[in-house]
Amino acid sequence: MVPIVITADEIKVDRSFITDIHKRPRSQSILKAIESLSQALGITIIVEGVETFEELAYLRRRRASATPRAIISRTRSRSKKVR
């Protein structure tokens, strides 16, 4: 039997977890778990689809305290975007 090797150098967090994250404790808990996993593995988190100031502010607070490797990007299909 041949062993299966999976490699990853980043974790992408889908927009569905980021929408209104500042109001959704369950999504906040999921993000915290993802942060712990990324730190344990030494890999980068990419957060996709940040579209509101409130989402960006929440993520910046988290980034400062727990996720220095987070990269924040926007989706291109929505009209309200963080600039």
PDB file of N, CA and C in Angstrom:
ATOM      1  N   MET A   1       0.838  -1.177   0.000  1.00  0.00           N
ATOM      2  CA  MET A   1       0.000   0.000   0.000  1.00  0.00           C
ATOM      3  C   MET A   1       0.885   1.244   0.000  1.00  0.00           C
ATOM      4  N   VAL A   2       0.574   2.186  -0.862  1.00  0.00           N
ATOM      5  CA  VAL A   2       1.332   3.426  -0.989  1.00  0.00           C
ATOM      6  C   VAL A   2       0.728   4.470  -0.045  1.00  0.00           C
ATOM      7  N   PRO A   3       1.570   5.101   0.789  1.00  0.00           N
ATOM      8  CA  PRO A   3       1.029   6.132   1.682  1.00  0.00           C
ATOM      9  C   PRO A   3       0.581   7.359   0.883  1.00  0.00           C
ATOM     10  N   ILE A   4      -0.476   7.988   1.365  1.00  0.00           N
ATOM     11  CA  ILE A   4      -0.981   9.206   0.735  1.00  0.00           C
ATOM     12  C   ILE A   4      -0.370  10.400   1.450  1.00  0.00           C
ATOM     13  N   VAL A   5       0.195  11.318   0.684  1.00  0.00           N
ATOM     14  CA  VAL A   5       0.807  12.508   1.246  1.00  0.00           C
ATOM     15  C   VAL A   5       0.031  13.726   0.746  1.00  0.00           C
ATOM     16  N   ILE A   6      -0.443  14.510   1.668  1.00  0.00           N
ATOM     17  CA  ILE A   6      -1.153  15.738   1.309  1.00  0.00           C
ATOM     18  C   ILE A   6      -0.348  16.910   1.852  1.00  0.00           C
ATOM     19  N   THR A   7      -0.053  17.848   0.998  1.00  0.00           N
ATOM     20  CA  THR A   7       0.655  19.034   1.451  1.00  0.00           C
ATOM     21  C   THR A   7      -0.214  20.262   1.224  1.00  0.00           C
ATOM     22  N   ALA A   8      -0.067  21.230   2.107  1.00  0.00           N
ATOM     23  CA  ALA A   8      -0.811  22.482   1.982  1.00  0.00           C
ATOM     24  C   ALA A   8       0.059  23.597   2.541  1.00  0.00           C
ATOM     25  N   ASP A   9      -0.017  24.759   1.918  1.00  0.00           N
ATOM     26  CA  ASP A   9       0.752  25.888   2.427  1.00  0.00           C
ATOM     27  C   ASP A   9      -0.139  27.058   2.814  1.00  0.00           C
ATOM     28  N   GLU A  10      -1.465  26.846   2.704  1.00  0.00           N
ATOM     29  CA  GLU A  10      -2.398  27.887   3.109  1.00  0.00           C
ATOM     30  C   GLU A  10      -3.770  27.273   3.391  1.00  0.00           C
ATOM     31  N   ILE A  11      -4.532  27.980   4.213  1.00  0.00           N
ATOM     32  CA  ILE A  11      -5.923  27.619   4.476  1.00  0.00           C
ATOM     33  C   ILE A  11      -6.764  28.790   4.000  1.00  0.00           C
ATOM     34  N   LYS A  12      -7.735  28.523   3.140  1.00  0.00           N
ATOM     35  CA  LYS A  12      -8.622  29.584   2.663  1.00  0.00           C
ATOM     36  C   LYS A  12      -9.929  29.527   3.454  1.00  0.00           C
ATOM     37  N   VAL A  13     -10.323  30.678   3.985  1.00  0.00           N
ATOM     38  CA  VAL A  13     -11.574  30.797   4.721  1.00  0.00           C
ATOM     39  C   VAL A  13     -12.609  31.380   3.767  1.00  0.00           C
ATOM     40  N   ASP A  14     -13.674  30.649   3.531  1.00  0.00           N
ATOM     41  CA  ASP A  14     -14.705  31.036   2.583  1.00  0.00           C
ATOM     42  C   ASP A  14     -15.508  32.237   3.068  1.00  0.00           C
ATOM     43  N   ARG A  15     -16.016  32.984   2.120  1.00  0.00           N
ATOM     44  CA  ARG A  15     -16.860  34.152   2.393  1.00  0.00           C
ATOM     45  C   ARG A  15     -18.022  33.826   3.331  1.00  0.00           C
ATOM     46  N   SER A  16     -18.573  32.622   3.241  1.00  0.00           N
ATOM     47  CA  SER A  16     -19.729  32.267   4.069  1.00  0.00           C
ATOM     48  C   SER A  16     -19.414  32.336   5.562  1.00  0.00           C
ATOM     49  N   PHE A  17     -18.159  32.160   5.953  1.00  0.00           N
ATOM     50  CA  PHE A  17     -17.776  32.288   7.359  1.00  0.00           C
ATOM     51  C   PHE A  17     -17.498  33.738   7.747  1.00  0.00           C
ATOM     52  N   ILE A  18     -17.240  34.584   6.768  1.00  0.00           N
ATOM     53  CA  ILE A  18     -16.840  35.962   7.039  1.00  0.00           C
ATOM     54  C   ILE A  18     -18.021  36.924   7.053  1.00  0.00           C
ATOM     55  N   THR A  19     -19.085  36.599   6.311  1.00  0.00           N
ATOM     56  CA  THR A  19     -20.260  37.474   6.272  1.00  0.00           C
ATOM     57  C   THR A  19     -20.770  37.731   7.691  1.00  0.00           C
ATOM     58  N   ASP A  20     -20.800  38.998   8.090  1.00  0.00           N
ATOM     59  CA  ASP A  20     -21.282  39.413   9.419  1.00  0.00           C
ATOM     60  C   ASP A  20     -20.591  38.681  10.570  1.00  0.00           C
ATOM     61  N   ILE A  21     -19.327  38.343  10.421  1.00  0.00           N
ATOM     62  CA  ILE A  21     -18.617  37.593  11.460  1.00  0.00           C
ATOM     63  C   ILE A  21     -18.630  38.319  12.799  1.00  0.00           C
ATOM     64  N   HIS A  22     -18.675  39.623  12.776  1.00  0.00           N
ATOM     65  CA  HIS A  22     -18.702  40.404  14.014  1.00  0.00           C
ATOM     66  C   HIS A  22     -19.996  40.186  14.795  1.00  0.00           C
ATOM     67  N   LYS A  23     -21.023  39.583  14.171  1.00  0.00           N
ATOM     68  CA  LYS A  23     -22.312  39.323  14.817  1.00  0.00           C
ATOM     69  C   LYS A  23     -22.576  37.832  15.040  1.00  0.00           C
ATOM     70  N   ARG A  24     -21.695  36.964  14.559  1.00  0.00           N
ATOM     71  CA  ARG A  24     -21.979  35.526  14.547  1.00  0.00           C
ATOM     72  C   ARG A  24     -20.966  34.738  15.375  1.00  0.00           C
ATOM     73  N   PRO A  25     -21.327  34.434  16.621  1.00  0.00           N
ATOM     74  CA  PRO A  25     -20.409  33.710  17.508  1.00  0.00           C
ATOM     75  C   PRO A  25     -19.946  32.358  16.958  1.00  0.00           C
ATOM     76  N   ARG A  26     -20.818  31.648  16.252  1.00  0.00           N
ATOM     77  CA  ARG A  26     -20.416  30.341  15.713  1.00  0.00           C
ATOM     78  C   ARG A  26     -19.313  30.505  14.658  1.00  0.00           C
ATOM     79  N   SER A  27     -19.461  31.483  13.777  1.00  0.00           N
ATOM     80  CA  SER A  27     -18.416  31.743  12.778  1.00  0.00           C
ATOM     81  C   SER A  27     -17.121  32.205  13.444  1.00  0.00           C
ATOM     82  N   GLN A  28     -17.236  32.984  14.521  1.00  0.00           N
ATOM     83  CA  GLN A  28     -16.055  33.419  15.269  1.00  0.00           C
ATOM     84  C   GLN A  28     -15.325  32.211  15.858  1.00  0.00           C
ATOM     85  N   SER A  29     -16.089  31.255  16.390  1.00  0.00           N
ATOM     86  CA  SER A  29     -15.477  30.047  16.953  1.00  0.00           C
ATOM     87  C   SER A  29     -14.778  29.220  15.884  1.00  0.00           C
ATOM     88  N   ILE A  30     -15.401  29.126  14.713  1.00  0.00           N
ATOM     89  CA  ILE A  30     -14.783  28.389  13.609  1.00  0.00           C
ATOM     90  C   ILE A  30     -13.483  29.065  13.190  1.00  0.00           C
ATOM     91  N   LEU A  31     -13.494  30.394  13.092  1.00  0.00           N
ATOM     92  CA  LEU A  31     -12.281  31.115  12.720  1.00  0.00           C
ATOM     93  C   LEU A  31     -11.177  30.911  13.763  1.00  0.00           C
ATOM     94  N   LYS A  32     -11.534  30.919  15.038  1.00  0.00           N
ATOM     95  CA  LYS A  32     -10.540  30.675  16.092  1.00  0.00           C
ATOM     96  C   LYS A  32      -9.916  29.292  15.945  1.00  0.00           C
ATOM     97  N   ALA A  33     -10.746  28.286  15.629  1.00  0.00           N
ATOM     98  CA  ALA A  33     -10.231  26.931  15.426  1.00  0.00           C
ATOM     99  C   ALA A  33      -9.299  26.869  14.222  1.00  0.00           C
ATOM    100  N   ILE A  34      -9.667  27.567  13.152  1.00  0.00           N
ATOM    101  CA  ILE A  34      -8.815  27.621  11.963  1.00  0.00           C
ATOM    102  C   ILE A  34      -7.491  28.308  12.287  1.00  0.00           C
ATOM    103  N   GLU A  35      -7.547  29.375  13.084  1.00  0.00           N
ATOM    104  CA  GLU A  35      -6.319  30.061  13.493  1.00  0.00           C
ATOM    105  C   GLU A  35      -5.410  29.124  14.273  1.00  0.00           C
ATOM    106  N   SER A  36      -5.977  28.356  15.195  1.00  0.00           N
ATOM    107  CA  SER A  36      -5.179  27.403  15.979  1.00  0.00           C
ATOM    108  C   SER A  36      -4.535  26.356  15.084  1.00  0.00           C
ATOM    109  N   LEU A  37      -5.312  25.849  14.120  1.00  0.00           N
ATOM    110  CA  LEU A  37      -4.779  24.860  13.187  1.00  0.00           C
ATOM    111  C   LEU A  37      -3.638  25.438  12.359  1.00  0.00           C
ATOM    112  N   SER A  38      -3.823  26.659  11.868  1.00  0.00           N
ATOM    113  CA  SER A  38      -2.779  27.266  11.038  1.00  0.00           C
ATOM    114  C   SER A  38      -1.505  27.523  11.833  1.00  0.00           C
ATOM    115  N   GLN A  39      -1.663  27.935  13.078  1.00  0.00           N
ATOM    116  CA  GLN A  39      -0.485  28.160  13.913  1.00  0.00           C
ATOM    117  C   GLN A  39       0.235  26.846  14.200  1.00  0.00           C
ATOM    118  N   ALA A  40      -0.520  25.788  14.484  1.00  0.00           N
ATOM    119  CA  ALA A  40       0.090  24.489  14.771  1.00  0.00           C
ATOM    120  C   ALA A  40       0.847  23.942  13.566  1.00  0.00           C
ATOM    121  N   LEU A  41       0.318  24.205  12.370  1.00  0.00           N
ATOM    122  CA  LEU A  41       0.943  23.695  11.145  1.00  0.00           C
ATOM    123  C   LEU A  41       1.920  24.674  10.514  1.00  0.00           C
ATOM    124  N   GLY A  42       1.907  25.929  11.006  1.00  0.00           N
ATOM    125  CA  GLY A  42       2.798  26.942  10.459  1.00  0.00           C
ATOM    126  C   GLY A  42       2.425  27.359   9.053  1.00  0.00           C
ATOM    127  N   ILE A  43       1.114  27.427   8.768  1.00  0.00           N
ATOM    128  CA  ILE A  43       0.686  27.820   7.433  1.00  0.00           C
ATOM    129  C   ILE A  43      -0.167  29.088   7.470  1.00  0.00           C
ATOM    130  N   THR A  44      -0.303  29.716   6.324  1.00  0.00           N
ATOM    131  CA  THR A  44      -0.989  31.000   6.172  1.00  0.00           C
ATOM    132  C   THR A  44      -2.500  30.820   6.061  1.00  0.00           C
ATOM    133  N   ILE A  45      -3.237  31.783   6.600  1.00  0.00           N
ATOM    134  CA  ILE A  45      -4.690  31.832   6.421  1.00  0.00           C
ATOM    135  C   ILE A  45      -4.997  32.912   5.389  1.00  0.00           C
ATOM    136  N   ILE A  46      -5.841  32.568   4.427  1.00  0.00           N
ATOM    137  CA  ILE A  46      -6.328  33.550   3.468  1.00  0.00           C
ATOM    138  C   ILE A  46      -7.822  33.702   3.710  1.00  0.00           C
ATOM    139  N   VAL A  47      -8.230  34.917   4.031  1.00  0.00           N
ATOM    140  CA  VAL A  47      -9.636  35.213   4.308  1.00  0.00           C
ATOM    141  C   VAL A  47     -10.218  35.875   3.073  1.00  0.00           C
ATOM    142  N   GLU A  48     -11.199  35.221   2.457  1.00  0.00           N
ATOM    143  CA  GLU A  48     -11.773  35.730   1.208  1.00  0.00           C
ATOM    144  C   GLU A  48     -13.103  36.430   1.458  1.00  0.00           C
ATOM    145  N   GLY A  49     -13.354  37.468   0.684  1.00  0.00           N
ATOM    146  CA  GLY A  49     -14.660  38.082   0.643  1.00  0.00           C
ATOM    147  C   GLY A  49     -14.991  39.073   1.732  1.00  0.00           C
ATOM    148  N   VAL A  50     -14.005  39.778   2.250  1.00  0.00           N
ATOM    149  CA  VAL A  50     -14.279  40.817   3.238  1.00  0.00           C
ATOM    150  C   VAL A  50     -14.875  42.006   2.499  1.00  0.00           C
ATOM    151  N   GLU A  51     -16.122  42.354   2.843  1.00  0.00           N
ATOM    152  CA  GLU A  51     -16.816  43.389   2.077  1.00  0.00           C
ATOM    153  C   GLU A  51     -17.305  44.561   2.901  1.00  0.00           C
ATOM    154  N   THR A  52     -17.326  44.455   4.215  1.00  0.00           N
ATOM    155  CA  THR A  52     -17.816  45.573   5.021  1.00  0.00           C
ATOM    156  C   THR A  52     -16.738  46.026   6.001  1.00  0.00           C
ATOM    157  N   PHE A  53     -16.869  47.258   6.443  1.00  0.00           N
ATOM    158  CA  PHE A  53     -15.930  47.787   7.419  1.00  0.00           C
ATOM    159  C   PHE A  53     -15.963  46.966   8.707  1.00  0.00           C
ATOM    160  N   GLU A  54     -17.160  46.564   9.119  1.00  0.00           N
ATOM    161  CA  GLU A  54     -17.294  45.800  10.366  1.00  0.00           C
ATOM    162  C   GLU A  54     -16.573  44.458  10.282  1.00  0.00           C
ATOM    163  N   GLU A  55     -16.683  43.786   9.151  1.00  0.00           N
ATOM    164  CA  GLU A  55     -15.963  42.523   8.972  1.00  0.00           C
ATOM    165  C   GLU A  55     -14.459  42.759   9.010  1.00  0.00           C
ATOM    166  N   LEU A  56     -14.018  43.775   8.304  1.00  0.00           N
ATOM    167  CA  LEU A  56     -12.595  44.101   8.276  1.00  0.00           C
ATOM    168  C   LEU A  56     -12.080  44.466   9.669  1.00  0.00           C
ATOM    169  N   ALA A  57     -12.842  45.268  10.402  1.00  0.00           N
ATOM    170  CA  ALA A  57     -12.436  45.663  11.751  1.00  0.00           C
ATOM    171  C   ALA A  57     -12.334  44.452  12.665  1.00  0.00           C
ATOM    172  N   TYR A  58     -13.295  43.544  12.588  1.00  0.00           N
ATOM    173  CA  TYR A  58     -13.240  42.332  13.415  1.00  0.00           C
ATOM    174  C   TYR A  58     -11.995  41.521  13.077  1.00  0.00           C
ATOM    175  N   LEU A  59     -11.743  41.322  11.792  1.00  0.00           N
ATOM    176  CA  LEU A  59     -10.589  40.525  11.375  1.00  0.00           C
ATOM    177  C   LEU A  59      -9.274  41.190  11.744  1.00  0.00           C
ATOM    178  N   ARG A  60      -9.218  42.497  11.663  1.00  0.00           N
ATOM    179  CA  ARG A  60      -7.991  43.200  12.063  1.00  0.00           C
ATOM    180  C   ARG A  60      -7.733  43.024  13.554  1.00  0.00           C
ATOM    181  N   ARG A  61      -8.794  43.070  14.359  1.00  0.00           N
ATOM    182  CA  ARG A  61      -8.622  42.823  15.805  1.00  0.00           C
ATOM    183  C   ARG A  61      -8.119  41.410  16.044  1.00  0.00           C
ATOM    184  N   ARG A  62      -8.667  40.428  15.352  1.00  0.00           N
ATOM    185  CA  ARG A  62      -8.228  39.036  15.492  1.00  0.00           C
ATOM    186  C   ARG A  62      -6.799  38.894  14.988  1.00  0.00           C
ATOM    187  N   ARG A  63      -6.511  39.520  13.893  1.00  0.00           N
ATOM    188  CA  ARG A  63      -5.186  39.416  13.283  1.00  0.00           C
ATOM    189  C   ARG A  63      -4.120  39.950  14.227  1.00  0.00           C
ATOM    190  N   ALA A  64      -4.419  41.047  14.895  1.00  0.00           N
ATOM    191  CA  ALA A  64      -3.446  41.654  15.802  1.00  0.00           C
ATOM    192  C   ALA A  64      -3.186  40.756  16.997  1.00  0.00           C
ATOM    193  N   SER A  65      -4.205  40.029  17.452  1.00  0.00           N
ATOM    194  CA  SER A  65      -4.026  39.237  18.663  1.00  0.00           C
ATOM    195  C   SER A  65      -3.660  37.787  18.393  1.00  0.00           C
ATOM    196  N   ALA A  66      -4.093  37.226  17.255  1.00  0.00           N
ATOM    197  CA  ALA A  66      -3.905  35.788  17.107  1.00  0.00           C
ATOM    198  C   ALA A  66      -3.451  35.317  15.739  1.00  0.00           C
ATOM    199  N   THR A  67      -3.602  36.107  14.702  1.00  0.00           N
ATOM    200  CA  THR A  67      -3.305  35.604  13.364  1.00  0.00           C
ATOM    201  C   THR A  67      -2.446  36.569  12.573  1.00  0.00           C
ATOM    202  N   PRO A  68      -1.178  36.652  12.885  1.00  0.00           N
ATOM    203  CA  PRO A  68      -0.331  37.593  12.165  1.00  0.00           C
ATOM    204  C   PRO A  68      -0.122  37.249  10.704  1.00  0.00           C
ATOM    205  N   ARG A  69      -0.470  36.021  10.289  1.00  0.00           N
ATOM    206  CA  ARG A  69      -0.236  35.615   8.901  1.00  0.00           C
ATOM    207  C   ARG A  69      -1.469  35.750   8.020  1.00  0.00           C
ATOM    208  N   ALA A  70      -2.553  36.309   8.514  1.00  0.00           N
ATOM    209  CA  ALA A  70      -3.778  36.401   7.711  1.00  0.00           C
ATOM    210  C   ALA A  70      -3.600  37.357   6.544  1.00  0.00           C
ATOM    211  N   ILE A  71      -4.174  36.995   5.429  1.00  0.00           N
ATOM    212  CA  ILE A  71      -4.203  37.847   4.244  1.00  0.00           C
ATOM    213  C   ILE A  71      -5.670  38.102   3.938  1.00  0.00           C
ATOM    214  N   ILE A  72      -6.032  39.351   3.765  1.00  0.00           N
ATOM    215  CA  ILE A  72      -7.432  39.691   3.548  1.00  0.00           C
ATOM    216  C   ILE A  72      -7.634  40.107   2.098  1.00  0.00           C
ATOM    217  N   SER A  73      -8.619  39.490   1.439  1.00  0.00           N
ATOM    218  CA  SER A  73      -8.922  39.849   0.056  1.00  0.00           C
ATOM    219  C   SER A  73     -10.428  40.038  -0.102  1.00  0.00           C
ATOM    220  N   ARG A  74     -10.822  40.661  -1.213  1.00  0.00           N
ATOM    221  CA  ARG A  74     -12.225  40.945  -1.466  1.00  0.00           C
ATOM    222  C   ARG A  74     -12.773  40.045  -2.566  1.00  0.00           C
ATOM    223  N   THR A  75     -14.087  39.844  -2.525  1.00  0.00           N
ATOM    224  CA  THR A  75     -14.736  39.208  -3.670  1.00  0.00           C
ATOM    225  C   THR A  75     -14.962  40.285  -4.717  1.00  0.00           C
ATOM    226  N   ARG A  76     -15.192  39.896  -5.922  1.00  0.00           N
ATOM    227  CA  ARG A  76     -15.357  40.871  -6.992  1.00  0.00           C
ATOM    228  C   ARG A  76     -16.792  40.977  -7.484  1.00  0.00           C
ATOM    229  N   SER A  77     -17.682  40.151  -6.972  1.00  0.00           N
ATOM    230  CA  SER A  77     -19.026  40.115  -7.524  1.00  0.00           C
ATOM    231  C   SER A  77     -20.034  41.003  -6.807  1.00  0.00           C
ATOM    232  N   ARG A  78     -19.723  41.518  -5.654  1.00  0.00           N
ATOM    233  CA  ARG A  78     -20.671  42.315  -4.889  1.00  0.00           C
ATOM    234  C   ARG A  78     -20.422  43.798  -5.092  1.00  0.00           C
ATOM    235  N   SER A  79     -21.463  44.612  -4.892  1.00  0.00           N
ATOM    236  CA  SER A  79     -21.317  46.045  -5.131  1.00  0.00           C
ATOM    237  C   SER A  79     -20.700  46.773  -3.933  1.00  0.00           C
ATOM    238  N   LYS A  80     -20.973  46.327  -2.702  1.00  0.00           N
ATOM    239  CA  LYS A  80     -20.385  46.983  -1.520  1.00  0.00           C
ATOM    240  C   LYS A  80     -19.070  46.286  -1.195  1.00  0.00           C
ATOM    241  N   LYS A  81     -17.993  46.998  -1.369  1.00  0.00           N
ATOM    242  CA  LYS A  81     -16.674  46.424  -1.129  1.00  0.00           C
ATOM    243  C   LYS A  81     -15.866  47.320  -0.221  1.00  0.00           C
ATOM    244  N   VAL A  82     -14.993  46.689   0.565  1.00  0.00           N
ATOM    245  CA  VAL A  82     -14.068  47.448   1.401  1.00  0.00           C
ATOM    246  C   VAL A  82     -12.959  47.933   0.495  1.00  0.00           C
ATOM    247  N   ARG A  83     -12.604  49.164   0.591  1.00  0.00           N
ATOM    248  CA  ARG A  83     -11.534  49.700  -0.256  1.00  0.00           C
ATOM    249  C   ARG A  83     -10.371  50.150   0.596  1.00  0.00           C
TER     250      ARG A  83
END
